[in-house]
Protein backbone atom coordinates (compact mmCIF):
# COMPACT_ATOMS: atom_id res chain seq x y z
CA MET A 1 0.02 0.21 -0.09
CA ILE A 2 2.47 2.49 0.78
CA ARG A 3 4.50 1.77 -2.36
CA SER A 4 1.75 2.24 -4.52
CA THR A 5 0.85 5.63 -2.43
CA LEU A 6 4.48 6.86 -3.34
CA THR A 7 3.79 6.15 -6.69
CA VAL A 8 0.56 8.00 -7.17
CA LEU A 9 2.35 10.74 -5.16
CA ALA A 10 5.21 10.99 -7.52
CA PHE A 11 3.22 11.05 -10.48
CA ALA A 12 1.13 13.94 -9.21
CA ALA A 13 4.04 16.09 -8.36
CA ALA A 14 5.40 15.34 -11.72
CA VAL A 15 2.16 17.14 -13.54
CA PRO A 16 2.28 20.88 -13.00
CA ALA A 17 -0.39 22.32 -10.49
CA SER A 18 -2.16 25.08 -12.17
CA ALA A 19 -4.08 27.65 -9.55
CA GLU A 20 -7.12 25.39 -9.87
CA THR A 21 -5.76 21.75 -8.88
CA PHE A 22 -5.92 20.95 -5.39
CA ARG A 23 -4.59 17.44 -4.14
CA TRP A 24 -5.35 15.99 -0.60
CA ALA A 25 -5.00 13.07 1.61
CA SER A 26 -6.23 11.29 4.21
CA GLN A 27 -5.62 7.83 6.07
CA THR A 28 -8.94 6.44 5.00
CA ASP A 29 -10.24 5.47 1.47
CA PRO A 30 -13.98 5.53 1.49
CA SER A 31 -15.20 1.84 1.31
CA THR A 32 -17.63 2.60 -1.19
CA LEU A 33 -19.54 5.19 -3.45
CA ASP A 34 -22.54 4.01 -2.31
CA PRO A 35 -24.30 6.50 -0.08
CA HIS A 36 -26.58 4.15 1.76
CA ALA A 37 -24.05 1.25 2.22
CA ASN A 38 -21.78 2.58 4.87
CA ASN A 39 -22.77 5.21 7.64
CA SER A 40 -19.36 6.30 8.06
CA THR A 41 -17.28 9.72 8.52
CA PRO A 42 -14.97 8.74 5.43
CA VAL A 43 -17.83 7.49 2.98
CA LEU A 44 -20.62 10.62 4.13
CA SER A 45 -17.88 13.04 3.97
CA PHE A 46 -16.29 12.26 0.70
CA LEU A 47 -19.72 11.32 -1.07
CA GLY A 48 -21.08 14.77 0.12
CA ASN A 49 -19.14 16.38 -2.44
CA VAL A 50 -20.98 14.16 -5.01
CA TYR A 51 -24.36 13.67 -3.84
CA GLU A 52 -26.65 15.90 -1.72
CA GLY A 53 -29.60 15.69 0.82
CA LEU A 54 -32.52 17.62 1.14
CA VAL A 55 -31.03 19.60 3.75
CA ARG A 56 -27.29 20.01 4.46
CA ARG A 57 -24.77 21.69 7.35
CA ASP A 58 -23.27 24.68 6.68
CA ARG A 59 -20.16 25.84 7.85
CA VAL A 60 -21.11 26.30 11.44
CA MET A 61 -22.68 23.26 11.36
CA GLY A 62 -26.30 25.30 11.28
CA ILE A 63 -29.10 23.26 8.56
CA GLU A 64 -29.77 25.07 5.87
CA PRO A 65 -31.74 23.96 2.39
CA ALA A 66 -30.06 21.95 -0.12
CA LEU A 67 -32.38 19.69 -2.58
CA ALA A 68 -35.36 21.29 -0.21
CA THR A 69 -35.91 24.71 -0.25
CA ALA A 70 -38.14 24.69 3.03
CA TRP A 71 -39.99 22.11 5.28
CA GLU A 72 -42.94 22.59 7.95
CA PRO A 73 -44.46 20.50 10.49
CA ILE A 74 -47.36 18.63 9.22
CA GLY A 75 -50.65 18.68 11.45
CA ASP A 76 -49.86 18.29 15.18
CA GLY A 77 -46.73 16.32 14.91
CA GLU A 78 -47.66 14.17 12.01
CA GLY A 79 -44.59 14.68 10.11
CA TRP A 80 -42.76 17.12 7.74
CA ARG A 81 -43.85 18.35 4.49
CA PHE A 82 -40.77 19.29 2.25
CA SER A 83 -40.87 21.72 -0.92
CA LEU A 84 -38.27 20.36 -3.55
CA ARG A 85 -35.80 22.57 -5.71
CA GLU A 86 -37.09 22.77 -9.15
CA GLY A 87 -34.62 22.99 -11.75
CA VAL A 88 -32.19 20.60 -10.34
CA THR A 89 -30.42 17.79 -12.58
CA PHE A 90 -28.36 15.03 -11.90
CA HIS A 91 -24.89 14.31 -13.31
CA ASP A 92 -26.11 12.46 -16.27
CA GLY A 93 -28.70 15.08 -17.08
CA SER A 94 -31.97 13.30 -15.47
CA ASP A 95 -34.22 15.69 -13.74
CA PHE A 96 -34.37 15.64 -10.17
CA THR A 97 -38.14 15.23 -8.61
CA ALA A 98 -40.24 13.74 -5.79
CA GLU A 99 -39.82 10.53 -6.92
CA ASP A 100 -36.28 10.24 -6.50
CA VAL A 101 -36.66 11.37 -2.53
CA VAL A 102 -39.09 8.56 -2.03
CA PHE A 103 -36.78 5.91 -3.95
CA SER A 104 -34.02 7.29 -1.99
CA TYR A 105 -36.15 6.65 1.36
CA GLU A 106 -37.08 3.26 0.61
CA ARG A 107 -33.48 2.47 -0.47
CA ALA A 108 -31.77 3.94 2.53
CA ALA A 109 -34.22 2.43 4.93
CA SER A 110 -34.11 -1.01 3.47
CA GLU A 111 -32.77 -4.16 5.47
CA GLY A 112 -29.16 -4.11 4.73
CA ALA A 113 -28.85 -0.19 4.22
CA ASP A 114 -26.41 1.11 6.76
CA THR A 115 -28.70 4.11 7.32
CA ALA A 116 -31.77 2.41 8.01
CA SER A 117 -31.97 3.47 11.64
CA TRP A 118 -32.27 7.09 10.19
CA PHE A 119 -35.52 6.58 9.76
CA ALA A 120 -36.64 4.12 12.66
CA GLY A 121 -39.81 6.83 13.63
CA VAL A 122 -40.97 7.21 9.89
CA THR A 123 -44.08 5.36 8.61
CA ASP A 124 -44.66 7.07 5.21
CA VAL A 125 -43.28 8.59 2.40
CA THR A 126 -45.11 10.04 -0.24
CA ALA A 127 -45.12 12.61 -2.96
CA PRO A 128 -48.28 14.64 -3.62
CA ASP A 129 -46.82 16.02 -6.75
CA ASP A 130 -43.07 16.21 -8.54
CA TYR A 131 -41.91 19.03 -5.71
CA THR A 132 -43.43 18.17 -2.57
CA VAL A 133 -42.51 15.36 -0.20
CA GLU A 134 -44.48 14.39 3.13
CA ILE A 135 -42.66 12.35 5.58
CA ARG A 136 -44.88 10.82 8.33
CA THR A 137 -43.68 9.59 11.47
CA LYS A 138 -45.29 7.84 14.23
CA ALA A 139 -44.80 10.43 17.15
CA PRO A 140 -43.95 13.75 16.46
CA ASN A 141 -39.99 14.32 15.93
CA PRO A 142 -38.85 18.01 16.32
CA ILE A 143 -34.96 17.21 15.31
CA PHE A 144 -35.97 15.02 11.93
CA PRO A 145 -34.64 17.74 9.43
CA ASP A 146 -31.34 17.72 11.67
CA SER A 147 -31.45 13.82 11.37
CA ILE A 148 -31.49 13.65 7.81
CA ALA A 149 -28.73 16.05 6.81
CA ASN A 150 -26.62 13.15 5.70
CA TRP A 151 -29.25 11.34 3.57
CA LEU A 152 -27.95 11.35 0.12
CA ILE A 153 -30.65 11.28 -2.91
CA MET A 154 -29.94 8.88 -5.54
CA ASP A 155 -31.66 8.93 -8.99
CA SER A 156 -33.67 6.31 -9.19
CA GLY A 157 -33.90 5.91 -13.10
CA TRP A 158 -29.91 5.58 -13.16
CA ALA A 159 -30.16 3.00 -10.01
CA GLU A 160 -33.03 0.96 -11.58
CA ALA A 161 -31.31 0.91 -14.72
CA ASN A 162 -27.65 -0.47 -13.59
CA GLY A 163 -29.16 -3.18 -10.84
CA ALA A 164 -28.72 -0.56 -7.88
CA GLU A 165 -32.27 -0.58 -6.44
CA ARG A 166 -30.67 -1.40 -3.19
CA PRO A 167 -27.57 -0.52 -1.45
CA ALA A 168 -24.31 -2.42 -2.74
CA THR A 169 -23.27 -5.32 -0.13
CA THR A 170 -20.16 -6.23 -1.82
CA GLU A 171 -17.45 -4.84 -3.78
CA ALA A 172 -18.89 -5.57 -7.39
CA GLY A 173 -22.11 -3.58 -6.84
CA TYR A 174 -22.47 -1.01 -9.31
CA ALA A 175 -22.91 2.17 -6.93
CA THR A 176 -20.05 0.84 -5.21
CA LEU A 177 -17.73 2.21 -7.77
CA ASN A 178 -20.05 4.56 -9.78
CA THR A 179 -21.75 7.66 -9.03
CA ASN A 180 -24.59 9.65 -10.01
CA GLY A 181 -25.34 12.84 -7.85
CA THR A 182 -27.14 16.24 -8.03
CA GLY A 183 -23.92 17.60 -6.12
CA PRO A 184 -21.14 20.21 -7.01
CA TYR A 185 -18.75 17.60 -8.21
CA ARG A 186 -18.85 14.53 -10.29
CA VAL A 187 -16.25 11.77 -9.93
CA THR A 188 -13.94 11.09 -13.42
CA ASP A 189 -11.71 8.40 -12.20
CA ARG A 190 -12.10 6.12 -9.05
CA GLN A 191 -9.19 3.66 -8.52
CA PRO A 192 -10.09 2.29 -4.89
CA GLY A 193 -7.05 2.16 -2.51
CA LEU A 194 -5.17 4.64 -4.97
CA ARG A 195 -6.93 7.74 -5.77
CA THR A 196 -10.12 9.34 -6.86
CA VAL A 197 -10.52 12.33 -8.88
CA LEU A 198 -13.07 14.76 -8.72
CA GLU A 199 -14.35 17.64 -11.21
CA PRO A 200 -16.80 20.38 -10.99
CA PHE A 201 -20.51 19.67 -12.57
CA ASP A 202 -21.33 22.34 -14.50
CA GLY A 203 -25.14 21.92 -14.35
CA TRP A 204 -24.86 22.48 -10.29
CA TRP A 205 -27.76 24.69 -9.20
CA GLY A 206 -25.73 26.04 -6.18
CA GLU A 207 -23.21 29.24 -6.01
CA ASP A 208 -21.12 28.84 -2.99
CA ARG A 209 -18.08 27.06 -4.92
CA GLY A 210 -14.29 28.11 -4.90
CA ASN A 211 -12.15 27.79 -7.98
CA VAL A 212 -11.29 24.07 -7.77
CA THR A 213 -11.38 22.76 -11.59
CA GLU A 214 -9.68 19.12 -10.33
CA GLY A 215 -9.58 17.56 -6.97
CA ILE A 216 -7.42 14.67 -6.56
CA PHE A 217 -7.69 12.42 -3.18
CA THR A 218 -5.07 9.96 -2.27
CA PRO A 219 -5.55 7.60 0.80
CA ILE A 220 -2.19 7.67 2.65
CA ASP A 221 -2.32 4.95 5.33
CA ASN A 222 1.21 5.88 6.57
CA SER A 223 1.55 9.17 8.93
CA ALA A 224 4.95 9.67 8.23
CA THR A 225 4.75 9.40 4.44
CA ALA A 226 1.16 11.85 4.45
CA VAL A 227 3.48 14.47 6.58
CA ALA A 228 6.57 14.32 4.04
CA ALA A 229 4.10 14.84 0.84
CA LEU A 230 2.52 17.76 2.52
CA LEU A 231 5.70 19.31 3.73
CA SER A 232 6.98 18.78 0.12
CA GLY A 233 4.16 20.13 -1.72
CA GLU A 234 2.86 17.15 -3.23
CA VAL A 235 -0.29 17.49 -1.64
CA GLU A 236 -1.97 20.58 -0.47
CA MET A 237 -3.83 19.34 2.60
CA ILE A 238 -3.64 16.15 4.90
CA GLU A 239 -6.09 14.87 7.53
CA PRO A 240 -5.55 14.26 10.24
CA VAL A 241 -1.67 15.40 11.12
CA PRO A 242 -0.35 12.80 13.85
CA VAL A 243 -0.30 14.88 17.05
CA GLN A 244 3.09 14.06 17.19
CA ASP A 245 3.88 15.73 13.96
CA ALA A 246 1.66 18.71 14.86
CA ASP A 247 4.28 21.20 16.33
CA ARG A 248 6.48 20.57 13.30
CA VAL A 249 3.50 21.18 10.68
CA GLU A 250 2.95 24.41 12.69
CA ALA A 251 6.44 25.35 12.63
CA ALA A 252 7.21 24.59 8.83
CA ALA A 253 7.47 27.08 6.19
CA ASN A 254 4.71 27.34 3.36
CA VAL A 255 2.31 25.09 5.31
CA ARG A 256 -0.15 25.55 8.72
CA LEU A 257 -1.61 23.51 11.32
CA ILE A 258 -5.46 23.83 11.48
CA ARG A 259 -6.59 22.74 15.11
CA GLY A 260 -10.04 22.16 16.38
CA VAL A 261 -11.99 19.48 18.26
CA GLU A 262 -13.88 16.94 16.29
CA ALA A 263 -17.69 16.04 17.85
CA ARG A 264 -16.23 12.35 17.97
CA VAL A 265 -15.96 10.35 21.38
CA ILE A 266 -13.34 7.62 21.08
CA MET A 267 -14.61 4.71 23.58
CA TYR A 268 -14.21 1.16 24.13
CA GLY A 269 -17.18 -1.62 23.59
CA PHE A 270 -17.59 -5.15 24.76
CA SER A 271 -19.40 -8.22 23.38
CA MET A 272 -22.33 -9.25 25.51
CA ASP A 273 -24.34 -11.52 23.52
CA LYS A 274 -22.11 -14.20 23.14
CA ASP A 275 -21.94 -17.08 25.79
CA THR A 276 -18.13 -17.28 25.25
CA LEU A 277 -15.16 -15.30 24.46
CA ILE A 278 -13.35 -15.65 21.28
CA GLY A 279 -10.10 -15.11 22.92
CA GLY A 280 -8.75 -17.06 25.70
CA GLU A 281 -10.40 -20.39 27.73
CA THR A 282 -12.53 -18.54 30.13
CA ASP A 283 -15.75 -20.46 30.81
CA GLY A 284 -18.62 -18.21 29.83
CA ASN A 285 -18.59 -14.47 28.75
CA PRO A 286 -16.95 -12.26 31.66
CA PHE A 287 -17.83 -9.20 29.86
CA GLN A 288 -21.57 -9.89 30.30
CA ASP A 289 -21.25 -8.83 34.00
CA ALA A 290 -21.12 -5.15 34.36
CA ARG A 291 -18.42 -5.44 37.16
CA VAL A 292 -16.17 -6.57 34.52
CA ARG A 293 -16.89 -3.67 32.24
CA GLN A 294 -16.48 -1.16 35.08
CA ALA A 295 -13.04 -2.90 35.86
CA VAL A 296 -11.85 -1.80 32.62
CA ALA A 297 -13.03 1.82 32.90
CA HIS A 298 -11.03 1.87 35.91
CA ALA A 299 -8.06 -0.15 34.58
CA VAL A 300 -7.45 2.27 31.64
CA ASN A 301 -5.30 5.10 32.64
CA VAL A 302 -6.81 7.83 30.22
CA PRO A 303 -4.77 10.99 31.86
CA ALA A 304 -1.78 9.08 30.47
CA ILE A 305 -3.10 8.13 27.10
CA LEU A 306 -4.04 11.73 26.77
CA GLN A 307 -0.30 13.15 27.60
CA THR A 308 1.59 10.60 26.01
CA ILE A 309 -0.25 9.08 23.02
CA MET A 310 -2.16 12.43 22.39
CA ARG A 311 0.27 14.88 23.26
CA GLY A 312 -2.25 16.72 25.42
CA SER A 313 -4.43 17.42 22.29
CA ALA A 314 -7.78 15.74 23.42
CA GLU A 315 -10.19 16.11 26.37
CA PRO A 316 -11.45 13.37 28.49
CA ALA A 317 -14.88 11.98 27.69
CA SER A 318 -17.41 10.49 30.28
CA GLN A 319 -20.26 10.29 27.81
CA LEU A 320 -21.32 8.84 24.60
CA VAL A 321 -21.02 12.66 23.36
CA GLY A 322 -18.84 15.51 24.32
CA SER A 323 -19.97 18.46 26.75
CA ALA A 324 -20.55 20.84 23.35
CA MET A 325 -23.49 18.40 22.26
CA ARG A 326 -27.27 19.04 22.76
CA GLY A 327 -28.17 16.51 25.54
CA TYR A 328 -25.13 16.30 27.10
CA SER A 329 -25.44 15.59 31.08
CA ASP A 330 -24.11 18.21 33.34
CA ALA A 331 -24.82 15.79 36.30
CA LEU A 332 -21.89 13.00 34.74
CA PRO A 333 -18.96 15.31 33.95
CA ASP A 334 -16.21 12.84 35.20
CA ARG A 335 -15.33 9.53 33.81
CA PRO A 336 -14.53 6.71 36.11
CA ALA A 337 -11.27 7.50 37.91
CA TYR A 338 -7.87 5.64 37.05
CA ASP A 339 -7.91 3.13 40.08
CA PRO A 340 -6.19 -0.32 39.14
CA GLU A 341 -6.87 -1.29 42.91
CA ARG A 342 -10.49 -0.94 42.31
CA ALA A 343 -10.21 -2.68 38.99
CA GLN A 344 -9.07 -6.06 40.89
CA GLU A 345 -11.73 -5.68 43.49
CA LEU A 346 -14.22 -5.67 40.82
CA LEU A 347 -13.01 -8.42 39.05
CA ALA A 348 -12.66 -10.46 42.02
CA GLU A 349 -16.12 -9.73 43.20
CA ALA A 350 -17.13 -10.70 39.52
CA GLY A 351 -15.17 -14.12 40.03
CA TYR A 352 -11.99 -13.43 38.07
CA PRO A 353 -9.26 -12.78 40.60
CA ASP A 354 -6.75 -14.08 38.24
CA GLY A 355 -8.29 -12.17 35.34
CA PHE A 356 -8.73 -13.96 32.03
CA SER A 357 -7.75 -13.52 28.23
CA PHE A 358 -9.74 -12.26 25.68
CA LEU A 359 -9.43 -10.90 22.08
CA LEU A 360 -9.10 -6.98 21.53
CA LYS A 361 -9.84 -5.57 18.15
CA CYS A 362 -9.00 -2.13 16.92
CA PRO A 363 -8.33 -0.42 13.87
CA ASN A 364 -4.89 0.60 12.68
CA ASP A 365 -5.91 3.56 10.18
CA ARG A 366 -9.02 5.02 11.19
CA TYR A 367 -8.59 7.27 14.15
CA ILE A 368 -5.68 9.44 15.49
CA ASN A 369 -3.00 6.69 16.69
CA ASP A 370 -5.85 4.25 17.00
CA GLU A 371 -3.37 1.34 17.20
CA SER A 372 -1.11 3.20 19.63
CA VAL A 373 -4.03 3.66 22.04
CA CYS A 374 -4.84 0.37 22.08
CA GLN A 375 -1.53 -1.00 22.40
CA ALA A 376 -1.26 1.28 25.69
CA THR A 377 -4.39 -0.16 26.65
CA VAL A 378 -3.31 -3.81 26.39
CA ALA A 379 -0.36 -2.92 29.02
CA MET A 380 -2.67 -1.31 31.44
CA LEU A 381 -5.12 -4.14 31.90
CA ALA A 382 -2.16 -6.28 32.18
CA GLN A 383 -1.63 -4.53 35.53
CA VAL A 384 -4.92 -6.13 36.71
CA GLY A 385 -4.83 -9.25 35.27
CA LEU A 386 -6.57 -8.63 31.87
CA ASP A 387 -4.67 -10.65 28.98
CA ALA A 388 -5.81 -8.70 25.91
CA GLN A 389 -4.79 -10.28 23.11
CA LEU A 390 -4.72 -7.22 20.31
CA ASP A 391 -5.61 -7.62 16.86
CA ALA A 392 -5.22 -4.26 15.10
CA ILE A 393 -6.24 -4.06 11.50
CA PRO A 394 -6.91 -1.79 8.54
CA VAL A 395 -10.53 -0.30 8.61
CA ARG A 396 -11.59 -1.83 5.36
CA ASN A 397 -11.65 -5.27 7.23
CA TYR A 398 -12.32 -3.65 10.39
CA TRP A 399 -16.20 -3.12 10.31
CA PRO A 400 -17.15 -6.54 8.47
CA GLU A 401 -15.26 -8.35 11.31
CA LEU A 402 -17.32 -6.13 13.79
CA ARG A 403 -20.35 -7.03 12.36
CA GLU A 404 -19.55 -10.61 12.05
CA ASP A 405 -18.91 -10.65 16.03
CA GLN A 406 -15.36 -11.23 15.87
CA PHE A 407 -14.15 -9.52 18.64
CA ASP A 408 -14.56 -9.54 22.74
CA MET A 409 -13.73 -6.02 23.10
CA TYR A 410 -13.43 -3.38 20.37
CA LEU A 411 -12.19 -0.02 19.90
CA LEU A 412 -15.15 2.62 18.49
CA GLY A 413 -15.08 6.43 17.41
CA TRP A 414 -18.63 8.02 17.30
CA SER A 415 -19.71 11.57 15.94
CA PRO A 416 -23.35 12.24 16.23
CA GLY A 417 -24.86 13.25 13.25
CA THR A 418 -27.33 15.21 14.54
CA PHE A 419 -25.01 16.91 17.15
CA ASP A 420 -27.47 15.68 19.83
CA ALA A 421 -27.24 12.87 22.30
CA GLU A 422 -30.46 10.98 21.19
CA HIS A 423 -28.01 10.10 17.98
CA PRO A 424 -25.79 7.49 19.80
CA ILE A 425 -28.37 6.08 22.03
CA ARG A 426 -30.32 5.33 18.84
CA PHE A 427 -27.17 3.84 16.97
CA LEU A 428 -24.93 2.20 19.90
CA VAL A 429 -27.19 1.48 22.87
CA ALA A 430 -30.95 0.67 21.74
CA THR A 431 -31.50 -2.86 21.37
CA GLN A 432 -30.48 -4.07 17.79
CA THR A 433 -33.40 -4.50 15.09
CA ASP A 434 -33.41 -3.83 11.67
CA ARG A 435 -34.21 0.03 12.29
CA ILE A 436 -32.35 0.64 15.37
CA GLY A 437 -29.49 -0.40 17.17
CA THR A 438 -27.54 -1.05 13.89
CA TRP A 439 -23.98 -0.17 15.33
CA ASN A 440 -24.65 -2.15 18.95
CA PHE A 441 -22.33 -4.58 17.77
CA GLY A 442 -22.11 -5.69 21.32
CA GLY A 443 -25.78 -6.79 21.60
CA TYR A 444 -26.37 -4.37 24.59
CA SER A 445 -30.18 -4.48 25.96
CA ASN A 446 -32.04 -2.21 28.46
CA ASP A 447 -35.54 -2.17 28.80
CA ARG A 448 -35.83 0.99 30.29
CA ILE A 449 -33.70 2.58 27.63
CA ASP A 450 -35.80 1.13 24.94
CA GLU A 451 -38.96 2.86 26.34
CA LEU A 452 -37.30 6.13 27.13
CA LEU A 453 -35.75 6.68 23.35
CA PRO A 454 -39.18 7.22 21.63
CA GLN A 455 -39.90 9.79 24.41
CA VAL A 456 -36.88 11.45 23.81
CA GLN A 457 -37.24 11.38 19.88
CA SER A 458 -40.92 13.30 20.31
CA GLU A 459 -40.73 15.12 23.29
CA ILE A 460 -40.65 19.06 22.59
CA ASP A 461 -40.18 20.42 26.30
CA GLU A 462 -36.39 20.59 26.89
CA ASP A 463 -36.45 20.12 30.48
CA ALA A 464 -38.70 16.62 30.15
CA ARG A 465 -36.39 15.67 27.13
CA GLN A 466 -33.11 16.38 28.84
CA ALA A 467 -34.61 14.68 32.23
CA MET A 468 -34.86 11.33 30.12
CA LEU A 469 -31.33 11.86 28.67
CA ASP A 470 -29.82 12.30 32.26
CA GLU A 471 -31.33 8.87 33.14
CA ILE A 472 -30.13 7.28 30.08
CA ALA A 473 -26.63 8.45 30.62
CA GLN A 474 -26.63 7.38 34.05
CA ILE A 475 -27.70 3.78 33.03
CA VAL A 476 -25.05 3.89 30.17
CA GLN A 477 -22.51 4.66 32.82
CA ASP A 478 -23.55 2.64 35.50
CA ASP A 479 -23.69 -0.25 33.36
CA ALA A 480 -20.22 0.34 31.48
CA VAL A 481 -22.01 -0.22 28.22
CA TYR A 482 -18.95 1.58 26.87
CA VAL A 483 -15.83 3.29 28.15
CA PRO A 484 -15.43 6.67 26.75
CA LEU A 485 -11.79 7.56 26.74
CA TYR A 486 -11.76 11.35 25.21
CA VAL A 487 -12.96 13.50 22.64
CA GLN A 488 -10.78 13.17 19.27
CA PRO A 489 -8.84 16.40 18.32
CA LEU A 490 -8.77 17.88 14.69
CA LEU A 491 -5.61 18.37 13.25
CA TRP A 492 -5.44 19.14 9.64
CA GLY A 493 -2.40 20.54 7.77
CA ALA A 494 -2.83 23.04 4.72
CA ALA A 495 -0.57 24.64 2.38
CA ASP A 496 -0.77 28.40 3.15
CA ASN A 497 -1.97 29.24 -0.37
CA VAL A 498 -5.41 27.20 0.52
CA ASP A 499 -8.35 28.36 1.99
CA LEU A 500 -10.45 25.88 3.19
CA THR A 501 -13.02 25.36 6.09
CA GLN A 502 -12.86 22.82 9.10
CA ARG A 503 -15.86 21.47 10.75
CA GLU A 504 -16.70 19.90 14.22
CA ASP A 505 -17.83 16.63 12.41
CA ASN A 506 -14.71 16.51 10.39
CA PHE A 507 -16.48 16.60 7.00
CA PHE A 508 -14.22 17.70 4.05
CA ASN A 509 -16.18 20.29 1.74
CA LEU A 510 -14.35 20.54 -1.69
CA ARG A 511 -16.54 23.56 -2.51
CA TRP A 512 -15.48 25.58 0.30
CA VAL A 513 -11.54 25.08 -1.23
CA THR A 514 -9.93 28.22 -2.80
CA VAL A 515 -6.37 27.88 -4.05
CA ASN A 516 -4.66 31.05 -4.15
């Protein structure tokens, strides 16, 4: 992979860069170009340049019109009516109409779609006319427009003509490698793992677009190679900048470091629905006992991780969302203290005084210093008798293995798409069905949380809603459903002749890039 990346970069460097060519790199290549097949930042961020939704987020994360020009509630909390933008065409020249929205709902909410839980409360989507869509919900849902900012609309005719009526579950799916959106850019070359080229769509309806006439994206999984490419001018932007190289990039000539805080909490999760562990020979599954999960929370020295691995660039997390998110519980600001003695006491109480062995699954190219964090955790857990067998793998293999339950404990980063505490509850904590709990890999289930979630989604009184979110946060912390570690920092590096926008969701918008 590194050899291939270097070859591509050398070729790119040999081509004279005009003021309109922009080359950028990230450690993760989008695993698919299908907008409903993988609900992850690398996929949705990249495809947000190609496809569009009814609404979108602006530079400061506010919701604004996109393919819909206006929206309003239907009746007394029955749903939402969207007025669609007229005169919009897809990249192949086909007209955008309400039929495409209804089709995209059926596709994105279908079995096998990784976006299905976005529509858990939706009962019906209809098109009264070509430019009106009505989305009806089981109960009032005041945050619904915010919840669909990443729902991308596909051309129904194009999908049907190419056998892409449902999300591609294999690399051979037509929509995996091909696109036809309404967005500001169209894909002109796609070489998975090597490079993807975007060029402006001349028929785009919008106006807020910079001067990039060719955008070349290259995945670089080796952080040293990425930094070298930025400093040498082979690319104009990289993300993330490794925390250990942040000061070096900041001090370098002709480049600048862009610092921020991402809305992403890095945490550990556990397998709770298996009767036995994959790693080790322990009888039963110790992680089904909340005391064992609490022991892990006390055994991981988060302050040391933040100081030595994250170089002071991250803040500790006590919940599934950071303190800047709507619905954060002010009553639970502190995560469990680092206390190895208490961890050993809890393990003994649970019947494991000598600890046990298990499989710890981690990605090695998805989050900042992800493998290093997991390696440090292995050493910390060993001090309390827990033998974590680390398996760190590329993210392209990581998600499939998590979905196949090939782990005992795993690392996860979660950024709430709605910037609301309801989001991770719906995806990570709710009992798994075909519509909700779709990223609840550990199989956790709690009747009280399942009872409260639909009330949280429909409650319009902020105080009453917050009280329910506080109760859920307390249950999640008491049960140690996850072990939150820290809020991930945002560290981008860019040439100083490039203007761009860094958002808290770590989505990269090419239309906001201007090369000077």
